[in-house]
C-alpha atoms as a PDB file:
ATOM      1  CA  MET A   1      -7.541  36.723 -22.451  1.00  0.00           C
ATOM      2  CA  LYS A   2      -5.454  35.841 -19.404  1.00  0.00           C
ATOM      3  CA  MET A   3      -2.987  38.360 -18.068  1.00  0.00           C
ATOM      4  CA  LYS A   4       0.711  37.584 -18.564  1.00  0.00           C
ATOM      5  CA  THR A   5       3.805  38.952 -16.889  1.00  0.00           C
ATOM      6  CA  ARG A   6       7.092  39.776 -18.606  1.00  0.00           C
ATOM      7  CA  VAL A   7      10.415  38.072 -17.737  1.00  0.00           C
ATOM      8  CA  GLU A   8      12.872  40.851 -16.895  1.00  0.00           C
ATOM      9  CA  ARG A   9      16.075  38.964 -16.015  1.00  0.00           C
ATOM     10  CA  ILE A  10      17.481  35.535 -15.249  1.00  0.00           C
ATOM     11  CA  ASN A  11      20.145  35.038 -12.560  1.00  0.00           C
ATOM     12  CA  PRO A  12      21.969  31.798 -11.776  1.00  0.00           C
ATOM     13  CA  TYR A  13      22.465  30.543  -8.227  1.00  0.00           C
ATOM     14  CA  LEU A  14      25.877  29.052  -7.521  1.00  0.00           C
ATOM     15  CA  ASN A  15      26.494  26.906  -4.447  1.00  0.00           C
ATOM     16  CA  VAL A  16      29.726  27.893  -2.690  1.00  0.00           C
ATOM     17  CA  ARG A  17      31.677  26.419   0.219  1.00  0.00           C
ATOM     18  CA  ASP A  18      32.674  29.705   1.861  1.00  0.00           C
ATOM     19  CA  LEU A  19      30.299  32.601   1.209  1.00  0.00           C
ATOM     20  CA  SER A  20      32.639  35.366   2.438  1.00  0.00           C
ATOM     21  CA  GLU A  21      35.573  34.058   0.418  1.00  0.00           C
ATOM     22  CA  SER A  22      33.445  33.751  -2.732  1.00  0.00           C
ATOM     23  CA  ILE A  23      31.990  37.251  -2.362  1.00  0.00           C
ATOM     24  CA  GLY A  24      35.511  38.616  -1.915  1.00  0.00           C
ATOM     25  CA  TYR A  25      36.684  36.833  -5.059  1.00  0.00           C
ATOM     26  CA  TYR A  26      33.786  38.085  -7.186  1.00  0.00           C
ATOM     27  CA  VAL A  27      34.252  41.654  -5.924  1.00  0.00           C
ATOM     28  CA  GLU A  28      38.059  41.912  -5.796  1.00  0.00           C
ATOM     29  CA  ALA A  29      39.139  39.623  -8.637  1.00  0.00           C
ATOM     30  CA  LEU A  30      36.190  39.711 -11.033  1.00  0.00           C
ATOM     31  CA  GLY A  31      35.032  43.319 -10.630  1.00  0.00           C
ATOM     32  CA  PHE A  32      31.488  42.674  -9.383  1.00  0.00           C
ATOM     33  CA  GLU A  33      29.836  44.879  -6.768  1.00  0.00           C
ATOM     34  CA  LEU A  34      28.180  43.495  -3.665  1.00  0.00           C
ATOM     35  CA  HIS A  35      24.414  44.011  -3.933  1.00  0.00           C
ATOM     36  CA  VAL A  36      23.055  41.949  -0.976  1.00  0.00           C
ATOM     37  CA  GLU A  37      24.691  39.888   1.751  1.00  0.00           C
ATOM     38  CA  THR A  38      22.938  37.746   4.357  1.00  0.00           C
ATOM     39  CA  ALA A  39      24.152  34.753   6.354  1.00  0.00           C
ATOM     40  CA  GLU A  40      23.091  32.363   3.567  1.00  0.00           C
ATOM     41  CA  LEU A  41      23.126  34.465   0.376  1.00  0.00           C
ATOM     42  CA  GLY A  42      25.396  36.899  -1.417  1.00  0.00           C
ATOM     43  CA  ILE A  43      24.240  38.712  -4.542  1.00  0.00           C
ATOM     44  CA  VAL A  44      26.959  40.247  -6.684  1.00  0.00           C
ATOM     45  CA  GLU A  45      26.240  42.446  -9.687  1.00  0.00           C
ATOM     46  CA  ARG A  46      28.101  43.752 -12.695  1.00  0.00           C
ATOM     47  CA  ASP A  47      26.651  45.842 -15.522  1.00  0.00           C
ATOM     48  CA  GLY A  48      23.101  45.112 -14.344  1.00  0.00           C
ATOM     49  CA  HIS A  49      23.587  41.334 -14.240  1.00  0.00           C
ATOM     50  CA  GLN A  50      23.625  39.348 -11.027  1.00  0.00           C
ATOM     51  CA  ILE A  51      24.989  36.074  -9.738  1.00  0.00           C
ATOM     52  CA  HIS A  52      23.481  34.730  -6.524  1.00  0.00           C
ATOM     53  CA  LEU A  53      25.985  32.934  -4.321  1.00  0.00           C
ATOM     54  CA  THR A  54      24.454  30.603  -1.784  1.00  0.00           C
ATOM     55  CA  ARG A  55      25.968  28.517   0.957  1.00  0.00           C
ATOM     56  CA  GLY A  56      25.768  24.970  -0.425  1.00  0.00           C
ATOM     57  CA  LYS A  57      24.032  22.353   1.677  1.00  0.00           C
ATOM     58  CA  GLU A  58      25.627  18.917   1.960  1.00  0.00           C
ATOM     59  CA  GLY A  59      23.986  16.366  -0.305  1.00  0.00           C
ATOM     60  CA  GLU A  60      21.942  18.833  -2.394  1.00  0.00           C
ATOM     61  CA  SER A  61      22.189  18.152  -6.101  1.00  0.00           C
ATOM     62  CA  HIS A  62      19.470  20.350  -7.593  1.00  0.00           C
ATOM     63  CA  GLN A  63      20.240  23.576  -9.400  1.00  0.00           C
ATOM     64  CA  GLN A  64      18.578  26.939  -8.960  1.00  0.00           C
ATOM     65  CA  VAL A  65      17.860  29.801 -11.362  1.00  0.00           C
ATOM     66  CA  TRP A  66      16.394  33.146 -10.351  1.00  0.00           C
ATOM     67  CA  VAL A  67      13.991  34.663 -12.890  1.00  0.00           C
ATOM     68  CA  GLY A  68      12.949  38.292 -12.494  1.00  0.00           C
ATOM     69  CA  VAL A  69       9.383  39.059 -13.586  1.00  0.00           C
ATOM     70  CA  GLU A  70       7.125  42.102 -13.563  1.00  0.00           C
ATOM     71  CA  ASP A  71       4.397  40.748 -11.276  1.00  0.00           C
ATOM     72  CA  ILE A  72       4.620  37.630  -9.096  1.00  0.00           C
ATOM     73  CA  ALA A  73       0.908  37.710  -8.242  1.00  0.00           C
ATOM     74  CA  VAL A  74      -0.067  37.249 -11.888  1.00  0.00           C
ATOM     75  CA  LEU A  75       2.443  34.431 -12.374  1.00  0.00           C
ATOM     76  CA  TYR A  76       1.436  32.736  -9.103  1.00  0.00           C
ATOM     77  CA  GLU A  77      -2.218  32.658 -10.206  1.00  0.00           C
ATOM     78  CA  GLN A  78      -1.233  31.294 -13.620  1.00  0.00           C
ATOM     79  CA  TYR A  79       0.922  28.546 -12.087  1.00  0.00           C
ATOM     80  CA  GLN A  80      -1.773  27.550  -9.591  1.00  0.00           C
ATOM     81  CA  GLU A  81      -4.154  27.018 -12.506  1.00  0.00           C
ATOM     82  CA  SER A  82      -1.612  25.155 -14.666  1.00  0.00           C
ATOM     83  CA  GLY A  83      -0.697  22.605 -12.001  1.00  0.00           C
ATOM     84  CA  ALA A  84       2.915  23.757 -11.601  1.00  0.00           C
ATOM     85  CA  VAL A  85       4.664  22.408  -8.495  1.00  0.00           C
ATOM     86  CA  ILE A  86       4.842  25.466  -6.243  1.00  0.00           C
ATOM     87  CA  TRP A  87       7.524  24.694  -3.678  1.00  0.00           C
ATOM     88  CA  GLN A  88       7.219  28.034  -1.876  1.00  0.00           C
ATOM     89  CA  GLU A  89       4.339  30.500  -2.166  1.00  0.00           C
ATOM     90  CA  PRO A  90       5.213  34.176  -2.766  1.00  0.00           C
ATOM     91  CA  ARG A  91       7.133  35.673   0.137  1.00  0.00           C
ATOM     92  CA  ASP A  92       8.843  39.036   0.751  1.00  0.00           C
ATOM     93  CA  TYR A  93      12.622  39.181   1.207  1.00  0.00           C
ATOM     94  CA  PRO A  94      14.891  42.257   1.403  1.00  0.00           C
ATOM     95  CA  TRP A  95      15.963  41.703  -2.234  1.00  0.00           C
ATOM     96  CA  ALA A  96      12.680  40.574  -3.861  1.00  0.00           C
ATOM     97  CA  TYR A  97       9.116  39.303  -3.551  1.00  0.00           C
ATOM     98  CA  GLN A  98       9.593  35.735  -4.730  1.00  0.00           C
ATOM     99  CA  MET A  99       8.217  32.228  -5.015  1.00  0.00           C
ATOM    100  CA  VAL A 100       9.840  28.885  -5.856  1.00  0.00           C
ATOM    101  CA  VAL A 101       8.632  26.387  -8.449  1.00  0.00           C
ATOM    102  CA  ARG A 102      10.207  22.941  -8.896  1.00  0.00           C
ATOM    103  CA  ASP A 103      10.598  20.954 -12.082  1.00  0.00           C
ATOM    104  CA  PRO A 104      10.278  17.130 -12.293  1.00  0.00           C
ATOM    105  CA  ASP A 105      13.996  16.716 -11.446  1.00  0.00           C
ATOM    106  CA  GLY A 106      13.847  18.892  -8.325  1.00  0.00           C
ATOM    107  CA  ASN A 107      15.522  21.910  -9.917  1.00  0.00           C
ATOM    108  CA  GLN A 108      14.213  25.180  -8.534  1.00  0.00           C
ATOM    109  CA  LEU A 109      13.030  28.163 -10.542  1.00  0.00           C
ATOM    110  CA  ILE A 110      12.912  31.125  -8.198  1.00  0.00           C
ATOM    111  CA  PHE A 111      10.616  33.798  -9.628  1.00  0.00           C
ATOM    112  CA  GLY A 112      10.964  37.266  -8.137  1.00  0.00           C
ATOM    113  CA  SER A 113       9.756  40.828  -8.555  1.00  0.00           C
ATOM    114  CA  GLU A 114      10.451  44.025  -6.661  1.00  0.00           C
ATOM    115  CA  PRO A 115       9.996  43.670  -2.867  1.00  0.00           C
END
């Protein structure tokens, strides 16, 4: 029997025009707390749930969803065998160890586990 990994959370990515302004709005007006901020990404969190704010790129129309899993290595092996379109192999970031898979319409599923 093949090993499986459990989905732990799902976080949407929202493209924003002005990252600093959007983070301020989510924190000050909506009551979120800032979890991570880089030049291209802001992660805000409330009650254990996150929204990832990303600086939108002109002309991009695909959507992104972040999916937290127990073990990226297990999922990566499974997706290599299944023929999934792996857009980015697993890579460490300050917020997660993650990889990107694309669907037939170019939408990105970003799978991540603890860094």
